[in-house]
N, C-alpha and C. Protein backbone atom coordinates (compact mmCIF):
# COMPACT_ATOMS: atom_id res chain seq x y z
N UNK A 1 1.15 -1.69 0.09
CA UNK A 1 -0.21 0.49 -0.23
C UNK A 1 0.85 1.06 0.24
N UNK A 2 0.87 2.48 -1.05
CA UNK A 2 1.28 3.57 -0.86
C UNK A 2 0.77 4.10 -0.19
N UNK A 3 1.87 5.84 0.20
CA UNK A 3 1.69 6.49 0.96
C UNK A 3 -0.01 7.43 1.15
N UNK A 4 0.04 7.32 -0.81
CA UNK A 4 -0.73 8.23 -0.71
C UNK A 4 -2.51 7.24 -0.42
N UNK A 5 -2.20 5.70 -0.91
CA UNK A 5 -3.25 4.77 -0.31
C UNK A 5 -4.24 5.01 1.53
N UNK A 6 -2.58 4.96 1.83
CA UNK A 6 -2.75 5.41 3.42
C UNK A 6 -3.40 6.02 3.68
N UNK A 7 -2.69 7.50 3.26
CA UNK A 7 -3.40 8.81 3.44
C UNK A 7 -4.59 9.22 3.57
N UNK A 8 -5.50 8.12 2.84
CA UNK A 8 -6.56 8.24 1.77
C UNK A 8 -7.36 7.43 3.06
N UNK A 9 -6.85 6.36 3.03
CA UNK A 9 -7.57 5.54 4.05
C UNK A 9 -7.65 6.15 5.73
N UNK A 10 -6.61 6.29 5.84
CA UNK A 10 -6.59 7.38 7.54
C UNK A 10 -7.90 8.35 7.63
N UNK A 11 -7.39 8.78 6.37
CA UNK A 11 -8.91 10.41 6.30
C UNK A 11 -10.11 9.48 6.16
N UNK A 12 -10.13 8.97 5.72
CA UNK A 12 -11.44 8.20 5.68
C UNK A 12 -11.81 7.17 6.89
N UNK A 13 -11.22 6.85 8.08
CA UNK A 13 -11.47 6.60 9.02
C UNK A 13 -11.81 7.80 9.85
N UNK A 14 -11.18 8.57 9.87
CA UNK A 14 -11.38 9.76 10.54
C UNK A 14 -12.96 10.30 10.57
N UNK A 15 -12.93 10.84 9.19
CA UNK A 15 -14.71 10.80 8.92
C UNK A 15 -15.81 10.21 9.46
N UNK A 16 -15.43 8.58 9.73
CA UNK A 16 -16.30 7.29 9.83
C UNK A 16 -16.38 7.64 11.15
N UNK A 17 -15.30 7.95 11.74
CA UNK A 17 -15.61 8.21 13.42
C UNK A 17 -16.01 9.38 13.89
N UNK A 18 -15.77 10.51 13.08
CA UNK A 18 -16.69 11.82 13.17
C UNK A 18 -18.01 11.47 12.67
N UNK A 19 -18.52 10.55 11.89
CA UNK A 19 -19.84 10.29 11.75
C UNK A 19 -20.70 9.35 12.96
N UNK A 20 -19.87 8.32 13.67
CA UNK A 20 -20.30 7.42 14.76
C UNK A 20 -20.50 8.31 15.67
N UNK A 21 -19.57 9.70 15.97
CA UNK A 21 -19.76 10.31 17.03
C UNK A 21 -21.01 10.79 16.80
N UNK A 22 -21.36 12.00 15.80
CA UNK A 22 -22.28 12.35 15.57
C UNK A 22 -23.91 11.07 15.88
N UNK A 23 -23.69 10.40 15.73
CA UNK A 23 -24.61 9.28 15.86
C UNK A 23 -25.09 8.68 17.38
N UNK A 24 -23.51 8.86 17.87
CA UNK A 24 -23.62 8.20 19.50
C UNK A 24 -24.69 9.86 20.12
N UNK A 25 -24.05 10.74 19.77
CA UNK A 25 -24.47 11.65 20.37
C UNK A 25 -25.99 12.25 20.52
N UNK A 26 -26.34 11.97 18.81
CA UNK A 26 -27.88 12.14 18.99
C UNK A 26 -28.42 10.74 19.65
N UNK A 27 -28.16 9.52 19.89
CA UNK A 27 -28.50 8.57 20.75
C UNK A 27 -28.86 9.12 21.76
N UNK A 28 -27.54 9.96 22.67
CA UNK A 28 -27.61 10.10 23.86
C UNK A 28 -28.54 10.95 24.07
N UNK A 29 -29.18 11.95 22.71
CA UNK A 29 -29.99 13.09 23.27
C UNK A 29 -31.35 12.46 23.28
N UNK A 30 -31.48 11.18 22.01
CA UNK A 30 -32.99 10.68 22.21
C UNK A 30 -33.08 10.06 23.54
N UNK A 31 -31.65 9.36 24.33
CA UNK A 31 -32.07 8.67 25.72
C UNK A 31 -33.02 10.15 26.64
N UNK A 32 -32.12 11.49 26.59
CA UNK A 32 -32.52 12.45 27.25
C UNK A 32 -33.76 12.58 26.84
N UNK A 33 -34.23 12.36 25.47
CA UNK A 33 -36.15 13.28 25.24
C UNK A 33 -36.79 11.55 26.49
N UNK A 34 -36.43 10.71 25.97
CA UNK A 34 -37.38 9.53 27.02
C UNK A 34 -37.13 9.86 27.88
N UNK A 35 -36.06 10.10 28.82
CA UNK A 35 -36.45 9.77 29.75
C UNK A 35 -36.96 11.46 30.68
N UNK A 36 -36.98 12.65 29.70
CA UNK A 36 -37.88 13.71 30.00
C UNK A 36 -39.47 13.05 30.11
N UNK A 37 -39.40 12.07 28.78
CA UNK A 37 -41.35 11.84 28.78
C UNK A 37 -41.72 11.04 29.73
N UNK A 38 -40.78 10.17 30.45
CA UNK A 38 -40.83 9.48 31.78
C UNK A 38 -40.57 9.74 32.58
N UNK A 39 -40.60 11.53 33.04
CA UNK A 39 -40.41 11.88 34.24
C UNK A 39 -41.76 12.93 34.27
N UNK A 40 -42.78 12.41 34.18
CA UNK A 40 -43.70 13.26 34.43
C UNK A 40 -44.21 13.16 35.94
N UNK A 41 -43.96 11.78 36.43
CA UNK A 41 -44.43 11.85 38.27
C UNK A 41 -43.03 12.64 39.17
N UNK A 42 -42.15 13.11 37.88
CA UNK A 42 -41.26 14.14 39.19
C UNK A 42 -41.60 15.43 39.20
N UNK A 43 -41.24 15.96 40.20
CA UNK A 43 -41.44 17.34 40.42
C UNK A 43 -40.63 18.64 39.79
N UNK A 44 -41.81 19.11 38.94
CA UNK A 44 -41.01 20.22 38.42
C UNK A 44 -41.09 21.44 38.98
N UNK A 45 -40.49 22.36 39.18
CA UNK A 45 -40.63 24.13 39.76
C UNK A 45 -40.25 24.84 38.80
N UNK A 46 -40.29 26.32 38.76
CA UNK A 46 -39.99 27.09 38.25
C UNK A 46 -39.78 28.07 39.28
N UNK A 47 -38.10 28.67 39.55
CA UNK A 47 -38.45 30.06 40.35
C UNK A 47 -37.97 31.02 39.70
N UNK A 48 -37.86 32.32 40.84
CA UNK A 48 -37.28 33.41 40.07
C UNK A 48 -36.05 33.75 41.37
N UNK A 49 -34.86 33.06 40.24
CA UNK A 49 -33.62 32.96 41.61
C UNK A 49 -32.19 33.75 41.02
N UNK A 50 -31.90 34.20 42.00
CA UNK A 50 -30.72 35.18 41.57
C UNK A 50 -29.34 34.27 41.15
N UNK A 51 -28.84 34.81 40.40
CA UNK A 51 -27.40 34.30 39.25
C UNK A 51 -26.29 34.65 40.02
N UNK A 52 -25.73 33.61 41.05
CA UNK A 52 -24.79 32.98 41.74
C UNK A 52 -23.47 33.76 40.48
N UNK A 53 -23.53 33.95 39.39
CA UNK A 53 -22.27 34.02 38.75
C UNK A 53 -21.96 35.84 38.48
N UNK A 54 -22.99 36.68 38.89
CA UNK A 54 -22.75 37.91 38.92
C UNK A 54 -23.48 38.40 40.17
N UNK A 55 -22.48 39.90 40.40
CA UNK A 55 -22.53 40.43 41.25
C UNK A 55 -24.01 41.45 41.65
N UNK A 56 -24.69 41.41 40.09
CA UNK A 56 -25.17 42.66 40.53
C UNK A 56 -27.02 42.26 41.33
N UNK A 57 -27.18 41.28 41.90
CA UNK A 57 -28.67 40.47 42.13
C UNK A 57 -29.19 40.59 40.97
N UNK A 58 -28.73 40.15 39.95
CA UNK A 58 -29.62 40.24 38.61
C UNK A 58 -30.25 38.50 39.21
N UNK A 59 -31.58 38.14 38.35
CA UNK A 59 -32.36 37.18 38.78
C UNK A 59 -32.71 36.56 37.58
N UNK A 60 -32.93 35.49 37.43
CA UNK A 60 -33.51 35.02 36.23
C UNK A 60 -34.49 33.89 37.18
N UNK A 61 -35.63 33.29 35.29
CA UNK A 61 -36.18 31.62 36.18
C UNK A 61 -35.66 31.12 35.70
N UNK A 62 -35.65 30.10 36.79
CA UNK A 62 -34.81 28.73 36.58
C UNK A 62 -35.70 27.51 36.97
N UNK A 63 -35.62 26.29 36.22
CA UNK A 63 -36.16 25.07 35.87
C UNK A 63 -35.25 24.16 36.98
N UNK A 64 -36.29 23.88 38.52
CA UNK A 64 -35.85 22.86 38.96
C UNK A 64 -36.49 21.77 39.08
N UNK A 65 -36.10 20.55 39.00
CA UNK A 65 -36.35 19.00 39.00
C UNK A 65 -36.14 18.20 39.98
N UNK A 66 -37.30 17.81 40.69
CA UNK A 66 -36.97 17.51 42.00
C UNK A 66 -36.09 18.08 42.80
N UNK A 67 -36.26 19.52 42.57
CA UNK A 67 -35.58 20.09 43.73
C UNK A 67 -34.47 20.46 43.48
N UNK A 68 -33.90 19.70 42.18
CA UNK A 68 -32.40 20.38 41.51
C UNK A 68 -32.36 21.08 40.64
N UNK A 69 -31.16 21.44 40.28
CA UNK A 69 -31.51 23.10 39.24
C UNK A 69 -31.04 22.42 37.62
N UNK A 70 -32.26 22.30 36.70
CA UNK A 70 -31.98 21.64 35.92
C UNK A 70 -31.75 22.76 34.53
N UNK A 71 -31.57 24.13 34.75
CA UNK A 71 -31.58 25.00 33.58
C UNK A 71 -32.20 26.33 33.53
N UNK A 72 -32.08 27.50 33.22
CA UNK A 72 -32.92 28.75 32.99
C UNK A 72 -33.56 28.46 32.34
N UNK A 73 -35.02 29.22 32.36
CA UNK A 73 -36.05 29.09 31.17
C UNK A 73 -37.16 30.11 31.00
N UNK A 74 -37.62 30.26 29.59
CA UNK A 74 -38.18 31.73 29.40
C UNK A 74 -39.71 31.40 30.08
N UNK A 75 -39.77 32.33 31.13
CA UNK A 75 -41.01 32.31 31.36
C UNK A 75 -42.92 32.65 30.81
N UNK A 76 -42.23 33.59 29.50
CA UNK A 76 -43.37 33.45 28.48
C UNK A 76 -43.87 32.06 28.32
N UNK A 77 -43.07 30.88 27.83
CA UNK A 77 -43.23 29.75 27.65
C UNK A 77 -43.76 29.14 29.10
N UNK A 78 -42.89 29.04 29.75
CA UNK A 78 -42.82 28.25 30.88
C UNK A 78 -44.37 28.57 31.88
N UNK A 79 -45.30 29.55 31.86
CA UNK A 79 -46.12 30.25 32.18
C UNK A 79 -47.51 29.93 31.27
N UNK A 80 -47.25 29.57 30.50
CA UNK A 80 -48.73 28.80 30.13
C UNK A 80 -49.57 28.54 30.79
N UNK A 81 -50.83 28.22 30.26
CA UNK A 81 -52.08 27.74 31.16
C UNK A 81 -52.83 27.34 30.30
N UNK A 82 -52.76 25.67 30.56
CA UNK A 82 -54.21 25.37 30.06
C UNK A 82 -55.51 25.50 30.29
N UNK A 83 -56.42 24.94 29.89
CA UNK A 83 -58.08 25.61 29.65
C UNK A 83 -58.83 25.34 31.02
N UNK A 84 -58.03 25.00 32.11
CA UNK A 84 -58.39 24.74 33.64
C UNK A 84 -57.49 26.19 34.44
N UNK A 85 -56.87 26.65 33.72
CA UNK A 85 -55.58 27.64 34.66
C UNK A 85 -54.20 27.10 35.04
N UNK A 86 -54.24 26.13 34.64
CA UNK A 86 -52.86 25.02 35.25
C UNK A 86 -52.03 25.11 34.44
N UNK A 87 -50.78 25.74 34.96
CA UNK A 87 -49.06 25.52 34.00
C UNK A 87 -48.96 23.89 33.94
N UNK A 88 -48.01 23.37 33.48
CA UNK A 88 -47.72 21.96 33.16
C UNK A 88 -46.36 22.37 32.89
N UNK A 89 -45.03 22.17 34.19
CA UNK A 89 -43.94 22.71 33.91
C UNK A 89 -43.37 21.56 32.99
N UNK A 90 -43.55 20.19 33.11
CA UNK A 90 -43.16 18.66 32.93
C UNK A 90 -43.33 19.05 31.21
N UNK A 91 -44.47 19.37 30.76
CA UNK A 91 -44.74 19.31 29.53
C UNK A 91 -44.37 20.67 28.69
N UNK A 92 -43.87 21.53 29.54
CA UNK A 92 -43.16 22.42 28.51
C UNK A 92 -41.85 21.96 28.53
N UNK A 93 -41.21 21.22 29.54
CA UNK A 93 -39.51 20.63 29.42
C UNK A 93 -39.67 19.50 28.59
N UNK A 94 -41.11 18.85 28.24
CA UNK A 94 -41.38 18.17 27.43
C UNK A 94 -40.94 18.31 25.88
N UNK A 95 -41.66 19.64 25.58
CA UNK A 95 -42.03 20.20 24.53
C UNK A 95 -40.28 20.65 23.71
N UNK A 96 -39.77 20.84 24.79
CA UNK A 96 -38.07 21.74 24.77
C UNK A 96 -37.44 20.53 24.22
N UNK A 97 -37.36 19.35 25.01
CA UNK A 97 -36.84 18.53 25.02
C UNK A 97 -36.53 17.48 23.31
N UNK A 98 -37.89 18.00 23.00
CA UNK A 98 -38.35 17.24 21.54
C UNK A 98 -38.12 18.41 20.36
N UNK A 99 -38.38 19.70 20.74
CA UNK A 99 -37.58 20.54 19.67
C UNK A 99 -36.00 20.59 19.51
N UNK A 100 -35.23 20.47 20.93
CA UNK A 100 -34.13 19.90 20.82
C UNK A 100 -33.89 19.49 19.39
N UNK A 101 -34.22 17.80 19.93
CA UNK A 101 -34.00 16.46 19.54
C UNK A 101 -34.49 16.54 17.96
N UNK A 102 -35.33 17.36 17.44
CA UNK A 102 -35.73 17.29 15.80
C UNK A 102 -34.93 18.10 15.11
N UNK A 103 -33.65 19.25 16.12
CA UNK A 103 -33.25 20.33 15.69
C UNK A 103 -31.67 19.16 15.20
N UNK A 104 -31.20 18.72 16.72
CA UNK A 104 -29.88 17.77 16.64
C UNK A 104 -30.16 16.66 15.24
N UNK A 105 -31.81 15.92 15.26
CA UNK A 105 -31.79 14.89 14.42
C UNK A 105 -31.04 15.16 12.72
N UNK A 106 -32.03 16.73 12.71
CA UNK A 106 -31.33 16.92 11.13
C UNK A 106 -30.69 17.29 11.00
N UNK A 107 -30.08 18.40 12.00
CA UNK A 107 -28.56 19.06 12.09
C UNK A 107 -27.74 17.64 11.98
N UNK A 108 -27.57 16.28 12.37
CA UNK A 108 -26.97 15.62 12.35
C UNK A 108 -26.53 14.73 10.77
N UNK A 109 -27.69 14.77 10.47
CA UNK A 109 -28.19 14.34 9.06
C UNK A 109 -27.52 15.40 8.05
N UNK A 110 -27.19 16.54 8.05
CA UNK A 110 -26.79 16.93 7.40
C UNK A 110 -25.19 17.12 7.60
N UNK A 111 -24.68 17.15 8.72
CA UNK A 111 -23.47 16.64 8.89
C UNK A 111 -22.70 15.76 8.41
N UNK A 112 -23.74 13.94 8.24
CA UNK A 112 -23.49 12.64 7.80
C UNK A 112 -23.06 12.94 6.50
N UNK A 113 -23.82 13.85 5.96
CA UNK A 113 -24.39 14.38 4.24
C UNK A 113 -23.16 14.74 4.08
N UNK A 114 -22.53 15.57 4.47
CA UNK A 114 -21.37 16.69 4.55
C UNK A 114 -19.93 15.59 4.74
N UNK A 115 -19.96 14.34 5.61
CA UNK A 115 -19.13 13.39 5.31
C UNK A 115 -19.19 12.43 4.48
N UNK A 116 -20.00 12.25 4.32
CA UNK A 116 -20.51 11.50 2.84
C UNK A 116 -19.56 12.17 1.45
N UNK A 117 -19.98 13.40 1.34
CA UNK A 117 -19.35 14.16 0.11
C UNK A 117 -18.09 14.00 0.23
N UNK A 118 -17.41 14.26 1.14
CA UNK A 118 -15.78 14.57 1.96
C UNK A 118 -15.38 13.26 1.03
N UNK A 119 -15.73 12.26 1.98
CA UNK A 119 -15.08 10.90 1.70
C UNK A 119 -15.29 10.39 0.23
N UNK A 120 -16.37 10.60 -0.28
CA UNK A 120 -16.35 10.08 -1.80
C UNK A 120 -15.53 11.13 -2.69
N UNK A 121 -15.10 12.46 -2.18
CA UNK A 121 -14.12 13.36 -3.09
C UNK A 121 -12.63 12.99 -2.62
N UNK A 122 -12.42 12.09 -1.58
CA UNK A 122 -11.29 11.95 -1.10
C UNK A 122 -11.13 10.15 -2.36
N UNK A 123 -11.74 9.91 -2.55
CA UNK A 123 -11.85 8.40 -3.61
C UNK A 123 -11.35 8.62 -5.22
N UNK A 124 -12.04 10.06 -5.22
CA UNK A 124 -11.64 10.69 -6.79
C UNK A 124 -12.52 12.41 -6.44
N UNK A 125 -12.89 12.52 -7.88
CA UNK A 125 -13.08 13.71 -8.60
C UNK A 125 -14.26 13.94 -7.60
N UNK A 126 -14.92 14.93 -6.81
CA UNK A 126 -16.09 15.08 -6.03
C UNK A 126 -17.41 15.40 -7.13
N UNK A 127 -16.76 16.13 -8.28
CA UNK A 127 -17.65 16.57 -9.33
C UNK A 127 -18.58 15.32 -10.04
N UNK A 128 -19.63 14.30 -9.23
CA UNK A 128 -20.49 13.50 -9.83
C UNK A 128 -21.92 14.00 -9.30
N UNK A 129 -22.81 13.41 -10.45
CA UNK A 129 -24.73 13.89 -10.20
C UNK A 129 -24.95 13.40 -8.98
N UNK A 130 -23.90 12.40 -8.32
CA UNK A 130 -24.98 11.61 -6.72
C UNK A 130 -24.55 12.74 -5.50
N UNK A 131 -23.13 13.74 -5.97
CA UNK A 131 -22.91 14.64 -5.04
C UNK A 131 -23.53 16.11 -5.50
N UNK A 132 -24.13 16.00 -6.40
CA UNK A 132 -24.87 17.13 -6.72
C UNK A 132 -26.54 16.90 -6.16
N UNK A 133 -27.00 15.43 -5.62
CA UNK A 133 -27.59 15.28 -5.43
C UNK A 133 -28.04 15.42 -3.69
N UNK A 134 -26.62 14.88 -3.47
CA UNK A 134 -26.32 15.18 -1.66
C UNK A 134 -26.21 16.48 -1.62
N UNK A 135 -26.13 17.11 -2.13
CA UNK A 135 -25.74 18.61 -1.54
C UNK A 135 -27.62 19.48 -1.89
N UNK A 136 -28.19 18.87 -2.37
CA UNK A 136 -29.63 18.82 -3.05
C UNK A 136 -30.06 18.56 -1.48
N UNK A 137 -29.75 17.43 -0.83
CA UNK A 137 -30.19 16.96 0.09
C UNK A 137 -29.75 17.85 1.42
N UNK A 138 -28.71 18.15 1.21
CA UNK A 138 -28.68 19.05 2.01
C UNK A 138 -29.48 19.94 2.19
N UNK A 139 -29.70 20.87 0.91
CA UNK A 139 -30.48 22.17 1.24
C UNK A 139 -32.03 21.59 1.66
N UNK A 140 -32.29 20.65 1.59
CA UNK A 140 -34.08 19.72 1.46
C UNK A 140 -34.00 20.35 3.04
N UNK A 141 -32.59 19.09 3.82
CA UNK A 141 -32.15 19.45 5.31
C UNK A 141 -32.39 20.56 6.31
N UNK A 142 -31.56 21.92 5.68
CA UNK A 142 -31.59 22.71 5.84
C UNK A 142 -33.03 23.40 6.27
N UNK A 143 -33.81 23.51 4.98
CA UNK A 143 -35.28 24.11 4.94
C UNK A 143 -36.04 23.23 5.70
N UNK A 144 -35.86 22.06 6.47
CA UNK A 144 -36.16 20.99 7.14
C UNK A 144 -36.24 22.11 8.72
N UNK A 145 -34.70 22.28 8.71
CA UNK A 145 -34.39 22.79 10.22
C UNK A 145 -34.95 24.37 10.43
N UNK A 146 -34.78 24.79 9.44
CA UNK A 146 -35.71 26.05 9.65
C UNK A 146 -37.26 25.78 10.09
N UNK A 147 -38.20 24.68 10.01
CA UNK A 147 -39.48 24.35 10.04
C UNK A 147 -39.34 23.54 10.99
N UNK A 148 -38.93 22.02 10.80
CA UNK A 148 -39.38 20.92 11.88
C UNK A 148 -39.28 21.54 13.37
N UNK A 149 -38.30 22.49 13.97
CA UNK A 149 -38.07 22.23 15.24
C UNK A 149 -39.50 23.05 15.68
N UNK A 150 -39.90 24.07 15.13
CA UNK A 150 -40.56 24.88 15.69
C UNK A 150 -42.44 24.39 15.64
N UNK A 151 -42.00 23.50 13.90
CA UNK A 151 -43.55 23.09 14.07
C UNK A 151 -43.99 22.22 15.23
N UNK A 152 -42.45 21.35 15.70
CA UNK A 152 -43.28 20.54 16.69
C UNK A 152 -43.47 21.69 18.10
N UNK A 153 -42.97 22.31 18.15
CA UNK A 153 -43.27 23.12 19.26
C UNK A 153 -44.77 23.27 19.12
N UNK A 154 -44.55 23.75 17.81
CA UNK A 154 -46.39 25.03 18.38
C UNK A 154 -47.06 23.97 18.14
N UNK A 155 -47.30 22.28 17.81
CA UNK A 155 -48.21 21.60 17.59
C UNK A 155 -48.21 20.90 18.90
N UNK A 156 -47.14 20.68 19.78
CA UNK A 156 -47.51 20.40 21.03
C UNK A 156 -47.93 20.94 21.93
N UNK A 157 -47.71 22.69 21.48
CA UNK A 157 -48.17 23.32 22.63
C UNK A 157 -49.60 23.54 21.97
N UNK A 158 -50.06 23.32 21.22
CA UNK A 158 -51.37 23.53 20.66
C UNK A 158 -52.36 22.77 21.42
N UNK A 159 -51.78 21.41 21.77
CA UNK A 159 -52.40 20.24 21.80
C UNK A 159 -52.97 20.54 23.36
N UNK A 160 -51.90 21.44 24.21
CA UNK A 160 -52.21 21.40 25.60
C UNK A 160 -52.15 22.22 25.88
N UNK A 161 -52.18 23.78 26.14
CA UNK A 161 -52.60 25.57 26.28
C UNK A 161 -53.70 25.97 25.27
N UNK A 162 -53.90 26.61 26.10
CA UNK A 162 -54.87 27.77 25.28
C UNK A 162 -54.40 28.37 24.34
N UNK A 163 -52.95 28.99 24.86
CA UNK A 163 -52.41 30.09 23.88
C UNK A 163 -51.35 29.46 23.26
N UNK A 164 -50.89 29.62 21.66
CA UNK A 164 -49.97 29.13 21.15
C UNK A 164 -49.72 30.39 20.27
N UNK A 165 -47.98 31.00 19.88
CA UNK A 165 -47.70 31.81 19.87
C UNK A 165 -46.38 31.43 19.02
N UNK A 166 -46.51 31.74 17.60
CA UNK A 166 -45.78 31.68 16.13
C UNK A 166 -44.74 32.36 15.80
N UNK A 167 -43.70 33.07 16.70
CA UNK A 167 -42.85 34.43 16.10
C UNK A 167 -42.56 34.19 14.99
N UNK A 168 -42.29 35.12 14.05
CA UNK A 168 -41.32 35.30 13.23
C UNK A 168 -40.07 35.69 13.77
N UNK A 169 -38.90 34.83 13.54
CA UNK A 169 -37.58 35.27 13.78
C UNK A 169 -36.82 35.34 12.89
N UNK A 170 -35.47 36.02 12.99
CA UNK A 170 -34.60 36.39 11.93
C UNK A 170 -33.68 35.22 11.47
N UNK A 171 -33.27 34.50 12.81
CA UNK A 171 -32.90 33.15 12.95
C UNK A 171 -33.50 32.42 11.42
N UNK A 172 -34.53 32.39 11.84
CA UNK A 172 -35.37 31.71 10.94
C UNK A 172 -35.25 31.70 9.21
N UNK A 173 -35.76 33.28 9.06
CA UNK A 173 -35.51 33.46 7.42
C UNK A 173 -33.95 33.27 7.71
N UNK A 174 -32.91 33.08 8.32
CA UNK A 174 -31.80 33.15 7.28
C UNK A 174 -31.14 32.11 6.86
N UNK A 175 -32.17 31.01 7.97
CA UNK A 175 -31.88 29.28 7.25
C UNK A 175 -32.92 29.37 6.40
N UNK A 176 -33.41 30.02 6.09
CA UNK A 176 -34.17 29.75 4.75
C UNK A 176 -33.44 30.07 3.41
N UNK A 177 -32.44 31.34 3.79
CA UNK A 177 -32.03 32.01 2.85
C UNK A 177 -30.58 30.96 2.15
N UNK A 178 -30.34 30.34 4.03
CA UNK A 178 -29.25 29.55 3.28
C UNK A 178 -29.15 28.46 2.74
N UNK A 179 -30.42 27.54 3.04
CA UNK A 179 -30.86 26.15 2.08
C UNK A 179 -31.68 26.81 0.58
N UNK A 180 -31.91 28.27 0.57
CA UNK A 180 -32.04 28.62 -0.90
C UNK A 180 -30.88 28.29 -1.82
N UNK A 181 -29.90 29.22 -0.67
CA UNK A 181 -28.17 29.03 -1.62
C UNK A 181 -27.89 28.10 -2.01
N UNK A 182 -27.89 26.68 -0.78
CA UNK A 182 -26.79 25.59 -0.88
C UNK A 182 -28.11 24.87 -2.27
N UNK A 183 -29.59 25.25 -2.36
CA UNK A 183 -30.04 24.52 -3.48
C UNK A 183 -29.47 25.22 -4.54
N UNK A 184 -28.87 26.43 -4.65
CA UNK A 184 -28.53 27.12 -6.31
C UNK A 184 -27.19 26.44 -6.42
N UNK A 185 -26.70 26.28 -5.37
CA UNK A 185 -25.29 25.90 -5.41
C UNK A 185 -25.06 24.51 -6.04
N UNK A 186 -25.95 23.88 -5.83
CA UNK A 186 -26.21 22.03 -6.16
C UNK A 186 -26.51 22.35 -7.63
N UNK A 187 -27.13 23.82 -8.14
CA UNK A 187 -27.90 23.23 -9.37
C UNK A 187 -26.23 23.61 -10.46
N UNK A 188 -25.61 24.66 -9.75
CA UNK A 188 -24.62 25.12 -10.32
C UNK A 188 -23.41 23.75 -10.33
N UNK A 189 -23.21 23.14 -9.54
CA UNK A 189 -22.45 22.16 -8.85
C UNK A 189 -22.81 21.07 -10.25
N UNK A 190 -24.09 20.63 -10.66
CA UNK A 190 -24.73 19.84 -11.18
C UNK A 190 -24.39 19.75 -12.63
N UNK A 191 -24.36 21.49 -13.10
CA UNK A 191 -24.00 22.03 -14.58
C UNK A 191 -22.73 21.63 -14.56
N UNK A 192 -21.91 21.54 -13.81
CA UNK A 192 -20.23 21.45 -13.64
C UNK A 192 -20.46 20.23 -14.42
N UNK A 193 -21.14 19.39 -13.57
CA UNK A 193 -20.83 18.04 -13.53
C UNK A 193 -21.33 17.69 -15.09
N UNK A 194 -22.05 18.15 -15.86
CA UNK A 194 -22.41 18.00 -17.27
C UNK A 194 -21.11 18.76 -17.96
N UNK A 195 -21.35 19.45 -17.90
CA UNK A 195 -20.17 20.23 -18.70
C UNK A 195 -18.95 19.42 -18.68
N UNK A 196 -18.53 19.11 -17.50
CA UNK A 196 -17.32 18.10 -17.07
C UNK A 196 -17.65 16.82 -18.30
N UNK A 197 -18.29 16.44 -17.85
CA UNK A 197 -18.55 15.01 -18.69
C UNK A 197 -19.27 15.23 -20.65
N UNK A 198 -19.28 16.41 -21.02
CA UNK A 198 -19.04 16.79 -22.23
C UNK A 198 -17.87 17.01 -22.63
N UNK A 199 -16.83 17.47 -21.62
CA UNK A 199 -15.66 17.64 -22.13
C UNK A 199 -14.95 16.21 -22.29
N UNK A 200 -14.49 15.60 -21.38
CA UNK A 200 -14.29 14.02 -21.26
C UNK A 200 -14.63 13.29 -22.44
N UNK A 201 -16.22 13.24 -23.12
CA UNK A 201 -16.79 12.85 -23.90
C UNK A 201 -16.02 13.08 -25.76
N UNK A 202 -15.58 14.46 -25.68
CA UNK A 202 -14.92 14.91 -27.08
C UNK A 202 -13.60 14.59 -26.53
N UNK A 203 -12.95 14.77 -25.66
CA UNK A 203 -11.61 13.95 -25.42
C UNK A 203 -11.79 12.73 -25.54
């Protein structure tokens, strides 16, 4: 085995290791979501607590699970009430976990497709119709990243609470722009492949 082949093989092994790491992280996050779903009987509470890391006595709303600090929360969301005017901190926590999982799964899928493109490029030319389709897939996943996590949160909130808000954010708009740009790149990439095939056929 020559030096170039060994280098290519090592690079592919690194890419495969990164892909497995992404999958492992997604499995951990899936486990966290399942744990959140099964923790309904636990005691959840939101408190207005002073931030210990600052000295100006600033306060923030914090979620506690079984009297243990879990994380800072948005009281505008965790303060939502159902038809009986009751809050449900566990369900709000479950919604946030589901939204986070949806975001991570889509982002992880995008990263794995990128790794596949990089690995195929290491074997030869990256300019293939298959890679052009993979870039289109990344664009589609980018659109999903802009829509699906927010949709999951909206639907889960709609089924439980009286008030549902769907504010349009600048971050979501940028995600759509990035998705559109990726689709354009895929089209240009595909056109470049066709030109390369024409040149190869003449030669």
